[in-house]
C-alpha atoms as a PDB file:
ATOM      1  CA  UNK A   1      96.127  74.996  32.388  1.00  0.00           C
ATOM      2  CA  UNK A   2      92.453  76.395  33.626  1.00  0.00           C
ATOM      3  CA  UNK A   3      92.596  74.003  36.273  1.00  0.00           C
ATOM      4  CA  UNK A   4      96.141  74.313  37.909  1.00  0.00           C
ATOM      5  CA  UNK A   5      94.987  78.042  38.054  1.00  0.00           C
ATOM      6  CA  UNK A   6      91.982  77.379  40.106  1.00  0.00           C
ATOM      7  CA  UNK A   7      94.022  75.288  42.512  1.00  0.00           C
ATOM      8  CA  UNK A   8      96.525  77.499  42.648  1.00  0.00           C
ATOM      9  CA  UNK A   9      94.344  80.329  43.561  1.00  0.00           C
ATOM     10  CA  UNK A  10      92.463  77.983  46.490  1.00  0.00           C
ATOM     11  CA  UNK A  11      95.586  76.958  47.526  1.00  0.00           C
ATOM     12  CA  UNK A  12      96.754  80.155  48.256  1.00  0.00           C
ATOM     13  CA  UNK A  13      93.418  81.456  49.686  1.00  0.00           C
ATOM     14  CA  UNK A  14      93.960  78.674  51.937  1.00  0.00           C
ATOM     15  CA  UNK A  15      96.779  79.969  53.136  1.00  0.00           C
ATOM     16  CA  UNK A  16      95.779  83.446  53.434  1.00  0.00           C
ATOM     17  CA  UNK A  17      92.368  82.332  55.441  1.00  0.00           C
ATOM     18  CA  UNK A  18      95.286  80.151  58.129  1.00  0.00           C
ATOM     19  CA  UNK A  19      97.560  83.297  58.547  1.00  0.00           C
ATOM     20  CA  UNK A  20      94.648  85.376  59.573  1.00  0.00           C
ATOM     21  CA  UNK A  21      93.472  82.874  61.676  1.00  0.00           C
ATOM     22  CA  UNK A  22      97.139  82.737  63.220  1.00  0.00           C
ATOM     23  CA  UNK A  23      96.662  86.134  64.034  1.00  0.00           C
ATOM     24  CA  UNK A  24      93.763  86.238  65.081  1.00  0.00           C
ATOM     25  CA  UNK A  25      94.085  83.582  67.616  1.00  0.00           C
ATOM     26  CA  UNK A  26      97.149  84.638  68.803  1.00  0.00           C
ATOM     27  CA  UNK A  27      96.599  89.107  68.885  1.00  0.00           C
ATOM     28  CA  UNK A  28      97.829  90.367  72.192  1.00  0.00           C
ATOM     29  CA  UNK A  29      94.220  92.457  71.957  1.00  0.00           C
ATOM     30  CA  UNK A  30      90.914  91.273  72.524  1.00  0.00           C
ATOM     31  CA  UNK A  31      89.621  89.887  68.740  1.00  0.00           C
ATOM     32  CA  UNK A  32      86.271  89.574  68.504  1.00  0.00           C
ATOM     33  CA  UNK A  33      83.106  89.348  66.303  1.00  0.00           C
ATOM     34  CA  UNK A  34      79.015  89.475  67.283  1.00  0.00           C
ATOM     35  CA  UNK A  35      76.491  89.355  65.127  1.00  0.00           C
ATOM     36  CA  UNK A  36      73.989  91.948  64.918  1.00  0.00           C
ATOM     37  CA  UNK A  37      72.076  91.320  68.164  1.00  0.00           C
ATOM     38  CA  UNK A  38      75.527  90.822  69.935  1.00  0.00           C
ATOM     39  CA  UNK A  39      75.566  87.498  69.494  1.00  0.00           C
ATOM     40  CA  UNK A  40      79.224  86.736  70.156  1.00  0.00           C
ATOM     41  CA  UNK A  41      80.118  84.774  67.361  1.00  0.00           C
ATOM     42  CA  UNK A  42      84.093  84.455  67.531  1.00  0.00           C
ATOM     43  CA  UNK A  43      86.776  85.769  70.636  1.00  0.00           C
ATOM     44  CA  UNK A  44      90.211  84.499  70.915  1.00  0.00           C
ATOM     45  CA  UNK A  45      92.896  83.699  73.346  1.00  0.00           C
ATOM     46  CA  UNK A  46      93.230  87.176  74.955  1.00  0.00           C
ATOM     47  CA  UNK A  47      89.688  87.861  75.018  1.00  0.00           C
ATOM     48  CA  UNK A  48      89.805  84.532  76.635  1.00  0.00           C
ATOM     49  CA  UNK A  49      92.552  86.485  79.530  1.00  0.00           C
ATOM     50  CA  UNK A  50      91.163  89.344  79.593  1.00  0.00           C
ATOM     51  CA  UNK A  51      87.574  88.226  80.803  1.00  0.00           C
ATOM     52  CA  UNK A  52      87.649  84.805  82.549  1.00  0.00           C
ATOM     53  CA  UNK A  53      85.529  83.522  80.213  1.00  0.00           C
ATOM     54  CA  UNK A  54      86.541  80.355  78.383  1.00  0.00           C
ATOM     55  CA  UNK A  55      85.628  80.127  74.318  1.00  0.00           C
ATOM     56  CA  UNK A  56      82.821  77.583  75.025  1.00  0.00           C
ATOM     57  CA  UNK A  57      81.425  79.996  77.502  1.00  0.00           C
ATOM     58  CA  UNK A  58      82.017  83.204  75.495  1.00  0.00           C
ATOM     59  CA  UNK A  59      80.189  81.984  72.685  1.00  0.00           C
ATOM     60  CA  UNK A  60      76.558  81.198  74.641  1.00  0.00           C
ATOM     61  CA  UNK A  61      76.704  85.207  75.812  1.00  0.00           C
ATOM     62  CA  UNK A  62      76.186  88.362  74.209  1.00  0.00           C
ATOM     63  CA  UNK A  63      78.422  91.241  74.202  1.00  0.00           C
ATOM     64  CA  UNK A  64      75.134  92.760  76.544  1.00  0.00           C
ATOM     65  CA  UNK A  65      76.236  90.732  79.652  1.00  0.00           C
ATOM     66  CA  UNK A  66      79.785  91.636  79.467  1.00  0.00           C
ATOM     67  CA  UNK A  67      79.372  95.466  79.092  1.00  0.00           C
ATOM     68  CA  UNK A  68      79.031  97.495  82.326  1.00  0.00           C
ATOM     69  CA  UNK A  69      75.649  99.299  81.923  1.00  0.00           C
ATOM     70  CA  UNK A  70      76.659 102.354  81.786  1.00  0.00           C
ATOM     71  CA  UNK A  71      78.392 100.932  78.361  1.00  0.00           C
ATOM     72  CA  UNK A  72      76.195  98.999  76.543  1.00  0.00           C
ATOM     73  CA  UNK A  73      74.117 102.318  75.069  1.00  0.00           C
ATOM     74  CA  UNK A  74      77.121 103.504  73.739  1.00  0.00           C
ATOM     75  CA  UNK A  75      78.284 100.691  72.186  1.00  0.00           C
ATOM     76  CA  UNK A  76      74.353 100.207  70.519  1.00  0.00           C
ATOM     77  CA  UNK A  77      74.906 104.270  69.192  1.00  0.00           C
ATOM     78  CA  UNK A  78      77.744 103.237  67.861  1.00  0.00           C
ATOM     79  CA  UNK A  79      76.640  99.749  66.252  1.00  0.00           C
ATOM     80  CA  UNK A  80      73.729 102.261  64.938  1.00  0.00           C
ATOM     81  CA  UNK A  81      75.667 105.100  63.462  1.00  0.00           C
ATOM     82  CA  UNK A  82      77.853 102.393  61.550  1.00  0.00           C
ATOM     83  CA  UNK A  83      74.965 101.026  59.705  1.00  0.00           C
ATOM     84  CA  UNK A  84      74.016 104.257  59.305  1.00  0.00           C
ATOM     85  CA  UNK A  85      77.250 104.859  56.667  1.00  0.00           C
ATOM     86  CA  UNK A  86      80.023 105.900  59.516  1.00  0.00           C
ATOM     87  CA  UNK A  87      83.169 104.165  58.942  1.00  0.00           C
ATOM     88  CA  UNK A  88      85.211 102.335  61.227  1.00  0.00           C
ATOM     89  CA  UNK A  89      85.206 103.513  64.641  1.00  0.00           C
ATOM     90  CA  UNK A  90      86.867 103.742  67.965  1.00  0.00           C
ATOM     91  CA  UNK A  91      85.538 104.248  71.860  1.00  0.00           C
ATOM     92  CA  UNK A  92      85.880 103.395  75.187  1.00  0.00           C
ATOM     93  CA  UNK A  93      84.054 100.786  77.256  1.00  0.00           C
ATOM     94  CA  UNK A  94      84.083  98.940  80.892  1.00  0.00           C
ATOM     95  CA  UNK A  95      84.494  95.517  80.523  1.00  0.00           C
ATOM     96  CA  UNK A  96      83.079  93.375  83.454  1.00  0.00           C
ATOM     97  CA  UNK A  97      85.136  89.835  84.215  1.00  0.00           C
ATOM     98  CA  UNK A  98      83.986  87.025  85.256  1.00  0.00           C
ATOM     99  CA  UNK A  99      85.391  87.359  88.538  1.00  0.00           C
ATOM    100  CA  UNK A 100      83.870  90.547  88.771  1.00  0.00           C
ATOM    101  CA  UNK A 101      87.061  92.733  88.069  1.00  0.00           C
ATOM    102  CA  UNK A 102      86.152  95.992  85.619  1.00  0.00           C
ATOM    103  CA  UNK A 103      88.730  96.287  82.442  1.00  0.00           C
ATOM    104  CA  UNK A 104      88.817  99.511  80.447  1.00  0.00           C
ATOM    105  CA  UNK A 105      88.950  98.878  77.108  1.00  0.00           C
ATOM    106  CA  UNK A 106      89.481 101.167  73.664  1.00  0.00           C
ATOM    107  CA  UNK A 107      87.916  99.202  70.926  1.00  0.00           C
ATOM    108  CA  UNK A 108      87.672  99.897  67.278  1.00  0.00           C
ATOM    109  CA  UNK A 109      84.572  97.978  65.194  1.00  0.00           C
ATOM    110  CA  UNK A 110      83.973  97.933  61.918  1.00  0.00           C
ATOM    111  CA  UNK A 111      80.895  96.121  60.069  1.00  0.00           C
ATOM    112  CA  UNK A 112      80.929  92.546  58.835  1.00  0.00           C
ATOM    113  CA  UNK A 113      79.087  92.056  55.011  1.00  0.00           C
ATOM    114  CA  UNK A 114      77.460  88.637  53.306  1.00  0.00           C
ATOM    115  CA  UNK A 115      76.726  89.217  49.818  1.00  0.00           C
ATOM    116  CA  UNK A 116      76.873  93.416  50.685  1.00  0.00           C
ATOM    117  CA  UNK A 117      74.550  92.939  53.415  1.00  0.00           C
ATOM    118  CA  UNK A 118      75.886  94.175  56.865  1.00  0.00           C
ATOM    119  CA  UNK A 119      75.174  90.673  59.541  1.00  0.00           C
ATOM    120  CA  UNK A 120      77.719  91.855  62.420  1.00  0.00           C
ATOM    121  CA  UNK A 121      80.237  93.532  64.209  1.00  0.00           C
ATOM    122  CA  UNK A 122      84.170  93.055  64.404  1.00  0.00           C
ATOM    123  CA  UNK A 123      85.800  94.381  67.675  1.00  0.00           C
ATOM    124  CA  UNK A 124      89.722  95.006  68.059  1.00  0.00           C
ATOM    125  CA  UNK A 125      90.099  96.054  71.636  1.00  0.00           C
ATOM    126  CA  UNK A 126      92.873  97.571  73.607  1.00  0.00           C
ATOM    127  CA  UNK A 127      92.640  96.630  78.202  1.00  0.00           C
ATOM    128  CA  UNK A 128      93.750 100.645  78.880  1.00  0.00           C
ATOM    129  CA  UNK A 129      93.154 100.261  82.160  1.00  0.00           C
ATOM    130  CA  UNK A 130      96.574 101.249  83.724  1.00  0.00           C
ATOM    131  CA  UNK A 131      96.886 104.260  81.347  1.00  0.00           C
ATOM    132  CA  UNK A 132      93.061 105.397  82.830  1.00  0.00           C
ATOM    133  CA  UNK A 133      94.050 104.533  85.970  1.00  0.00           C
ATOM    134  CA  UNK A 134      97.286 106.666  85.654  1.00  0.00           C
ATOM    135  CA  UNK A 135      95.004 110.090  83.850  1.00  0.00           C
ATOM    136  CA  UNK A 136      92.355 109.779  87.606  1.00  0.00           C
ATOM    137  CA  UNK A 137      95.431 109.970  89.479  1.00  0.00           C
ATOM    138  CA  UNK A 138      96.895 112.827  87.627  1.00  0.00           C
ATOM    139  CA  UNK A 139      93.769 114.265  87.578  1.00  0.00           C
ATOM    140  CA  UNK A 140      92.489 113.963  91.332  1.00  0.00           C
ATOM    141  CA  UNK A 141      96.758 114.806  92.673  1.00  0.00           C
ATOM    142  CA  UNK A 142      96.417 118.192  90.879  1.00  0.00           C
ATOM    143  CA  UNK A 143      93.083 118.775  92.101  1.00  0.00           C
ATOM    144  CA  UNK A 144      94.023 118.318  96.025  1.00  0.00           C
ATOM    145  CA  UNK A 145      96.749 120.233  95.175  1.00  0.00           C
ATOM    146  CA  UNK A 146      94.921 123.227  94.225  1.00  0.00           C
ATOM    147  CA  UNK A 147      93.059 122.758  97.604  1.00  0.00           C
ATOM    148  CA  UNK A 148      95.905 123.296  99.637  1.00  0.00           C
ATOM    149  CA  UNK A 149      97.624 125.765  97.409  1.00  0.00           C
ATOM    150  CA  UNK A 150      93.577 128.024  97.790  1.00  0.00           C
ATOM    151  CA  UNK A 151      93.857 127.231 101.491  1.00  0.00           C
ATOM    152  CA  UNK A 152      90.401 124.926 101.679  1.00  0.00           C
ATOM    153  CA  UNK A 153      89.725 123.736 104.639  1.00  0.00           C
ATOM    154  CA  UNK A 154      91.428 120.241 105.575  1.00  0.00           C
ATOM    155  CA  UNK A 155      88.409 118.630 105.775  1.00  0.00           C
ATOM    156  CA  UNK A 156      87.868 119.001 101.771  1.00  0.00           C
ATOM    157  CA  UNK A 157      91.777 118.247 101.571  1.00  0.00           C
ATOM    158  CA  UNK A 158      91.668 115.127 103.261  1.00  0.00           C
ATOM    159  CA  UNK A 159      88.430 114.259 101.620  1.00  0.00           C
ATOM    160  CA  UNK A 160      89.380 114.493  98.534  1.00  0.00           C
ATOM    161  CA  UNK A 161      92.811 112.458  99.572  1.00  0.00           C
ATOM    162  CA  UNK A 162      90.349 109.601 100.595  1.00  0.00           C
ATOM    163  CA  UNK A 163      88.453 109.877  96.968  1.00  0.00           C
ATOM    164  CA  UNK A 164      91.798 109.137  95.759  1.00  0.00           C
ATOM    165  CA  UNK A 165      92.818 106.336  97.657  1.00  0.00           C
ATOM    166  CA  UNK A 166      89.829 105.231  96.310  1.00  0.00           C
ATOM    167  CA  UNK A 167      89.651 105.296  92.908  1.00  0.00           C
ATOM    168  CA  UNK A 168      92.788 103.742  92.884  1.00  0.00           C
ATOM    169  CA  UNK A 169      92.148 100.737  94.612  1.00  0.00           C
ATOM    170  CA  UNK A 170      88.739  99.257  94.407  1.00  0.00           C
ATOM    171  CA  UNK A 171      86.381  98.217  96.937  1.00  0.00           C
ATOM    172  CA  UNK A 172      88.800  99.931  98.882  1.00  0.00           C
ATOM    173  CA  UNK A 173      87.028 102.525 101.857  1.00  0.00           C
ATOM    174  CA  UNK A 174      89.030 105.397 103.133  1.00  0.00           C
ATOM    175  CA  UNK A 175      89.154 107.762 106.398  1.00  0.00           C
ATOM    176  CA  UNK A 176      91.651 110.141 107.945  1.00  0.00           C
ATOM    177  CA  UNK A 177      91.900 110.188 111.409  1.00  0.00           C
ATOM    178  CA  UNK A 178      93.079 113.218 113.279  1.00  0.00           C
ATOM    179  CA  UNK A 179      94.426 112.240 116.791  1.00  0.00           C
ATOM    180  CA  UNK A 180      93.660 115.344 119.569  1.00  0.00           C
ATOM    181  CA  UNK A 181      94.547 114.488 122.730  1.00  0.00           C
ATOM    182  CA  UNK A 182      93.050 111.945 124.373  1.00  0.00           C
ATOM    183  CA  UNK A 183      90.504 111.046 121.226  1.00  0.00           C
ATOM    184  CA  UNK A 184      90.403 110.289 117.821  1.00  0.00           C
ATOM    185  CA  UNK A 185      88.893 112.881 115.102  1.00  0.00           C
ATOM    186  CA  UNK A 186      87.732 111.916 111.469  1.00  0.00           C
ATOM    187  CA  UNK A 187      88.955 114.022 109.218  1.00  0.00           C
ATOM    188  CA  UNK A 188      87.364 112.712 106.351  1.00  0.00           C
ATOM    189  CA  UNK A 189      85.468 109.729 105.868  1.00  0.00           C
ATOM    190  CA  UNK A 190      83.585 110.390 102.615  1.00  0.00           C
ATOM    191  CA  UNK A 191      82.565 106.781 101.879  1.00  0.00           C
ATOM    192  CA  UNK A 192      81.562 105.164 105.345  1.00  0.00           C
ATOM    193  CA  UNK A 193      78.569 104.152 106.081  1.00  0.00           C
ATOM    194  CA  UNK A 194      77.389 106.985 108.823  1.00  0.00           C
ATOM    195  CA  UNK A 195      77.022 104.718 112.022  1.00  0.00           C
ATOM    196  CA  UNK A 196      80.750 103.074 111.365  1.00  0.00           C
ATOM    197  CA  UNK A 197      82.184 106.648 110.654  1.00  0.00           C
ATOM    198  CA  UNK A 198      80.692 107.608 114.147  1.00  0.00           C
ATOM    199  CA  UNK A 199      81.924 104.652 116.005  1.00  0.00           C
ATOM    200  CA  UNK A 200      85.477 105.448 114.417  1.00  0.00           C
ATOM    201  CA  UNK A 201      85.253 108.613 116.233  1.00  0.00           C
ATOM    202  CA  UNK A 202      84.795 107.396 119.307  1.00  0.00           C
ATOM    203  CA  UNK A 203      87.568 105.983 119.552  1.00  0.00           C
ATOM    204  CA  UNK A 204      89.879 106.731 122.325  1.00  0.00           C
ATOM    205  CA  UNK A 205      93.429 107.133 121.795  1.00  0.00           C
ATOM    206  CA  UNK A 206      96.098 104.439 123.227  1.00  0.00           C
ATOM    207  CA  UNK A 207      98.736 106.857 125.787  1.00  0.00           C
ATOM    208  CA  UNK A 208     101.424 105.443 123.669  1.00  0.00           C
ATOM    209  CA  UNK A 209      99.762 107.437 120.686  1.00  0.00           C
ATOM    210  CA  UNK A 210     100.059 110.931 122.037  1.00  0.00           C
ATOM    211  CA  UNK A 211     102.996 113.358 120.689  1.00  0.00           C
ATOM    212  CA  UNK A 212     106.474 113.198 122.244  1.00  0.00           C
END
C-alpha cells in the first residue's frame, strides 16, 4: 500500500508539473526566469514573440541586454528589494526587441528558492505599449488645449503639436510650414537639424499653392 501511495503521489506531481508547463508555454503574457545575476534561464512562447529572439538566443542572454538602459537600474533595485524581504513587486520597464522596437512592459516578479535559498527570479510581463501611448496622447492633447486656451504664441502651440506627433510615431520628425505669400515660413520643427530646418524655410511656394 505504501508503494501504491508513493506512485500515486509521484503521478500527481508529474501531472501538476505538466499542467504548469502547459500554462507557462501558452500564457498570453511574457513569462521568464533568470538567476540572480540576470542570466535568463527560461522563456515562454509569448516572450519569443514579443522580444523577437528565439528561445535558444534568449537563453544565451541576460535581462540587462534586453532592457533599455534607463530600465536596468530600476530592475536591479527591484531585485534588491525582494532579496531584502519585500513581497512580490510590480513595476514598469522598457524592453528592446531584436528589431529595435521599444515595448513597454508591466512586470510582476517573485523570487525563486532552492532549499530555502533564493536562486533566481520569475517574472510575468504584460505588453502595455498601447496603453502608455494612449496616456501620452491624452496628456499631450490636454497640454495643447491648455496652450490654445491660454493664448500661447502660435509657434509654441505648433511645436507642442509636432512633439505630440513624434511621440506617437516612433522615428518620425515633424515640421509645420506656414504659407506666407510667395514663400514658406517654418512654424515649428523642434527636432529637425538646424541646417535642414533652414533649407525648408528657404523653399519657395509654388504659385498653385496661393490661397484663393
